Amino acid sequence: MNRYPKVYTFTGAVILFAALTMTSISRKESIAKNMSNPHEQAHSSLLQVLEAPERSNELTDREDIYGWLIGGWEATVFDYAADGTAQESSGEWHFGWVLEGRAIQDVWIAPPRSQRGDKTLSKQYNRYGTSLRVYDREFAAWRVTWFNPVTGARNDLVGRRQGADIVQEGIGPDGRKIRWLFTDITPTSFIWRGESLESDGKTWRLEAEFRARRMKNK
């Protein structure tokens, strides 16, 4: 009769040893996976510390002029030459809160990823860049910086609400005044226009227009 407790004890020890062994193997595999793909680990870490789930309590409803953009948009793109002729294409635009909800960052891609593939694109209408929008309370406006690594373009603008529109103003690389506007804003659509001031100091020339529609949740 005394052999049965010994059997149970032995069986339990075997099960415990097997469980510990599997846990050790799983842990080693996880560590090995992270070590074998450090880029993926760094990518995940960056997103975790960059993105924010919502707007910071430091921003008021009045100050938050961009929060309605959060999410994904698809757009029909029109680039206008000096003679007014248009080059039509398409793009995608993604917005999110970052830096503990004190800023909004976006990624603007034109043509969209679905049309890029491995083909070589002309730099003229190739955009895969990002804008960072940070509210400056002392200035009572948003400071906006756009980077497009494809062409090396950078623009610094100041954004404010004007009536129902959002107007962002700055100086272009050629010294001319520029303004980028969000107009015709609805919950599911808007029009973005990029304009530059002509030499007469009065006429604004339309250089680009994006007609955006909110992406449907999949």
Protein backbone atom coordinates (compact mmCIF):
# COMPACT_ATOMS: atom_id res chain seq x y z
CA MET A 1 0.00 0.00 0.00
CA ASN A 2 2.90 2.36 0.74
CA ARG A 3 4.08 2.27 -2.86
CA TYR A 4 1.12 4.34 -4.15
CA PRO A 5 2.06 7.62 -2.46
CA LYS A 6 5.57 7.19 -3.83
CA VAL A 7 4.14 6.66 -7.31
CA TYR A 8 2.00 9.80 -7.02
CA THR A 9 4.96 11.78 -5.73
CA PHE A 10 7.14 10.55 -8.57
CA THR A 11 4.43 11.34 -11.17
CA GLY A 12 3.93 14.83 -9.76
CA ALA A 13 7.64 15.49 -9.88
CA VAL A 14 7.77 14.39 -13.53
CA ILE A 15 4.88 16.71 -14.45
CA LEU A 16 6.43 19.65 -12.59
CA PHE A 17 9.80 19.04 -14.27
CA ALA A 18 8.15 18.90 -17.69
CA ALA A 19 6.26 22.13 -17.04
CA LEU A 20 9.39 23.93 -15.90
CA THR A 21 11.30 22.62 -18.92
CA MET A 22 8.62 23.84 -21.35
CA THR A 23 8.51 27.24 -19.65
CA SER A 24 12.29 27.53 -19.88
CA ILE A 25 12.25 26.55 -23.55
CA SER A 26 9.46 29.03 -24.31
CA ARG A 27 11.31 31.81 -22.54
CA LYS A 28 14.54 31.03 -24.38
CA GLU A 29 12.68 30.98 -27.70
CA SER A 30 11.11 34.36 -26.91
CA ILE A 31 14.48 35.86 -25.97
CA ALA A 32 16.08 34.36 -29.06
CA LYS A 33 13.30 35.74 -31.24
CA ASN A 34 13.74 39.25 -29.85
CA MET A 35 17.51 39.02 -30.22
CA SER A 36 17.21 37.73 -33.77
CA ASN A 37 14.88 40.59 -34.79
CA PRO A 38 15.99 43.71 -32.88
CA HIS A 39 14.51 46.01 -35.54
CA GLU A 40 11.00 44.69 -34.91
CA GLN A 41 11.48 45.09 -31.18
CA ALA A 42 12.71 48.67 -31.55
CA HIS A 43 9.82 49.46 -33.92
CA SER A 44 7.25 48.24 -31.39
CA SER A 45 8.97 50.13 -28.59
CA LEU A 46 8.97 53.38 -30.59
CA LEU A 47 5.26 53.16 -31.34
CA GLN A 48 4.46 52.46 -27.70
CA VAL A 49 6.23 55.56 -26.44
CA LEU A 50 5.18 57.80 -29.35
CA GLU A 51 1.46 57.24 -29.75
CA ALA A 52 -1.16 58.44 -27.28
CA PRO A 53 -4.70 57.07 -26.86
CA GLU A 54 -6.31 60.51 -26.60
CA ARG A 55 -5.80 64.24 -26.31
CA SER A 56 -3.96 65.59 -23.29
CA ASN A 57 -6.07 67.28 -20.61
CA GLU A 58 -3.78 70.28 -21.05
CA LEU A 59 -5.51 71.07 -24.37
CA THR A 60 -8.97 72.63 -24.28
CA ASP A 61 -11.77 72.11 -26.78
CA ARG A 62 -11.14 75.62 -28.12
CA GLU A 63 -7.44 74.94 -28.64
CA ASP A 64 -7.98 71.54 -30.26
CA ILE A 65 -8.53 72.45 -33.91
CA TYR A 66 -7.07 69.25 -35.39
CA GLY A 67 -8.53 66.45 -33.26
CA TRP A 68 -11.32 65.77 -35.76
CA LEU A 69 -8.66 64.51 -38.19
CA ILE A 70 -7.68 61.51 -36.06
CA GLY A 71 -7.94 58.33 -38.13
CA GLY A 72 -7.37 57.42 -41.76
CA TRP A 73 -8.34 59.25 -44.94
CA GLU A 74 -8.11 58.52 -48.65
CA ALA A 75 -7.76 61.38 -51.10
CA THR A 76 -7.96 62.38 -54.73
CA VAL A 77 -4.91 64.54 -55.41
CA PHE A 78 -4.57 67.38 -57.90
CA ASP A 79 -1.16 69.02 -58.46
CA TYR A 80 -1.37 72.23 -60.48
CA ALA A 81 1.33 73.58 -62.78
CA ALA A 82 1.92 77.33 -63.22
CA ASP A 83 -0.34 77.33 -66.30
CA GLY A 84 -3.20 75.76 -64.32
CA THR A 85 -3.03 72.27 -65.80
CA ALA A 86 -3.63 69.52 -63.25
CA GLN A 87 -1.90 66.21 -62.55
CA GLU A 88 -4.39 63.85 -60.91
CA SER A 89 -3.38 61.00 -58.58
CA SER A 90 -4.45 59.57 -55.23
CA GLY A 91 -3.13 59.37 -51.69
CA GLU A 92 -3.72 58.23 -48.12
CA TRP A 93 -3.45 60.28 -44.93
CA HIS A 94 -3.22 59.01 -41.35
CA PHE A 95 -3.48 61.14 -38.17
CA GLY A 96 -2.91 60.25 -34.52
CA TRP A 97 -2.24 61.78 -31.10
CA VAL A 98 1.39 61.50 -29.97
CA LEU A 99 3.70 62.66 -27.16
CA GLU A 100 1.20 62.08 -24.33
CA GLY A 101 -1.56 63.69 -26.38
CA ARG A 102 0.10 67.11 -26.62
CA ALA A 103 0.73 66.86 -30.35
CA ILE A 104 -0.75 65.37 -33.51
CA GLN A 105 1.39 63.59 -36.08
CA ASP A 106 0.34 62.49 -39.53
CA VAL A 107 1.78 60.49 -42.40
CA TRP A 108 0.87 61.62 -45.92
CA ILE A 109 1.48 59.10 -48.71
CA ALA A 110 0.91 59.86 -52.39
CA PRO A 111 0.62 57.72 -54.35
CA PRO A 112 -0.79 55.36 -51.69
CA ARG A 113 0.98 52.20 -50.59
CA SER A 114 -1.31 50.05 -52.74
CA GLN A 115 0.10 51.76 -55.85
CA ARG A 116 3.76 51.96 -54.87
CA GLY A 117 5.07 48.40 -54.94
CA ASP A 118 8.67 48.04 -56.13
CA LYS A 119 8.42 50.48 -59.01
CA THR A 120 10.58 53.60 -59.16
CA LEU A 121 8.53 56.77 -58.74
CA SER A 122 9.30 60.25 -60.00
CA LYS A 123 10.19 62.59 -57.14
CA GLN A 124 7.99 65.34 -58.52
CA TYR A 125 4.72 63.96 -57.16
CA ASN A 126 6.11 61.41 -54.71
CA ARG A 127 5.24 62.11 -51.07
CA TYR A 128 5.90 59.82 -48.14
CA GLY A 129 6.36 62.27 -45.31
CA THR A 130 5.13 63.37 -41.91
CA SER A 131 3.86 66.50 -40.19
CA LEU A 132 4.07 67.25 -36.49
CA ARG A 133 1.57 69.69 -35.01
CA VAL A 134 2.28 71.10 -31.54
CA TYR A 135 0.18 73.73 -29.76
CA ASP A 136 2.08 76.80 -28.59
CA ARG A 137 0.02 78.29 -25.77
CA GLU A 138 2.08 81.47 -25.48
CA PHE A 139 1.62 82.03 -29.21
CA ALA A 140 -2.03 80.87 -29.13
CA ALA A 141 -1.50 78.86 -32.31
CA TRP A 142 -0.27 75.51 -33.60
CA ARG A 143 3.24 75.14 -34.94
CA VAL A 144 3.32 72.75 -37.88
CA THR A 145 6.40 71.20 -39.49
CA TRP A 146 6.23 69.03 -42.60
CA PHE A 147 9.05 66.76 -43.78
CA ASN A 148 9.19 64.78 -47.02
CA PRO A 149 12.40 62.69 -47.02
CA VAL A 150 11.76 61.71 -50.65
CA THR A 151 12.58 65.21 -51.88
CA GLY A 152 14.18 66.75 -48.79
CA ALA A 153 11.31 69.22 -48.47
CA ARG A 154 10.60 70.93 -45.15
CA ASN A 155 7.98 73.55 -44.36
CA ASP A 156 7.25 75.39 -41.12
CA LEU A 157 3.83 76.91 -40.71
CA VAL A 158 1.53 78.38 -38.06
CA GLY A 159 -2.01 77.02 -37.89
CA ARG A 160 -5.14 78.79 -36.62
CA ARG A 161 -8.86 78.42 -37.03
CA GLN A 162 -10.44 81.09 -39.20
CA GLY A 163 -14.21 80.77 -39.23
CA ALA A 164 -15.07 77.25 -40.35
CA ASP A 165 -11.63 76.71 -41.91
CA ILE A 166 -8.14 75.99 -40.60
CA VAL A 167 -5.46 78.19 -42.13
CA GLN A 168 -1.75 77.37 -41.88
CA GLU A 169 0.68 80.05 -43.00
CA GLY A 170 4.41 80.06 -43.58
CA ILE A 171 7.27 80.93 -45.93
CA GLY A 172 8.24 78.66 -48.80
CA PRO A 173 11.84 77.73 -49.74
CA ASP A 174 11.80 80.44 -52.43
CA GLY A 175 10.86 83.14 -49.91
CA ARG A 176 7.24 83.43 -51.00
CA LYS A 177 4.38 83.23 -48.51
CA ILE A 178 2.49 79.95 -48.49
CA ARG A 179 -0.74 78.86 -46.88
CA TRP A 180 -2.26 75.42 -46.48
CA LEU A 181 -5.95 75.28 -45.73
CA PHE A 182 -8.46 72.72 -44.48
CA THR A 183 -11.83 73.74 -45.91
CA ASP A 184 -15.29 72.26 -46.58
CA ILE A 185 -14.92 70.23 -43.39
CA THR A 186 -17.51 67.55 -42.55
CA PRO A 187 -17.27 64.47 -40.30
CA THR A 188 -16.40 62.33 -43.34
CA SER A 189 -14.67 64.67 -45.79
CA PHE A 190 -12.61 67.80 -46.26
CA ILE A 191 -10.60 69.66 -48.89
CA TRP A 192 -6.94 70.57 -48.32
CA ARG A 193 -5.49 73.33 -50.49
CA GLY A 194 -1.86 74.41 -50.84
CA GLU A 195 -1.36 77.93 -52.16
CA SER A 196 1.51 80.40 -52.69
CA LEU A 197 1.41 84.18 -52.93
CA GLU A 198 2.28 85.61 -56.32
CA SER A 199 4.78 88.44 -56.78
CA ASP A 200 1.98 91.03 -56.87
CA GLY A 201 1.44 90.37 -53.16
CA LYS A 202 -2.30 89.88 -53.64
CA THR A 203 -2.96 86.79 -55.75
CA TRP A 204 -2.85 83.32 -54.23
CA ARG A 205 -2.00 80.59 -56.73
CA LEU A 206 -3.40 77.12 -56.14
CA GLU A 207 -0.58 74.56 -56.28
CA ALA A 208 -2.19 71.42 -54.85
CA GLU A 209 -5.61 70.22 -53.75
CA PHE A 210 -6.47 67.05 -51.83
CA ARG A 211 -10.12 65.97 -51.69
CA ALA A 212 -10.23 63.61 -48.74
CA ARG A 213 -12.76 61.06 -47.56
CA ARG A 214 -12.62 59.22 -44.25
CA MET A 215 -11.65 55.57 -44.58
CA LYS A 216 -14.31 53.11 -43.52
CA ASN A 217 -13.45 50.89 -40.58
CA LYS A 218 -12.58 47.40 -41.74
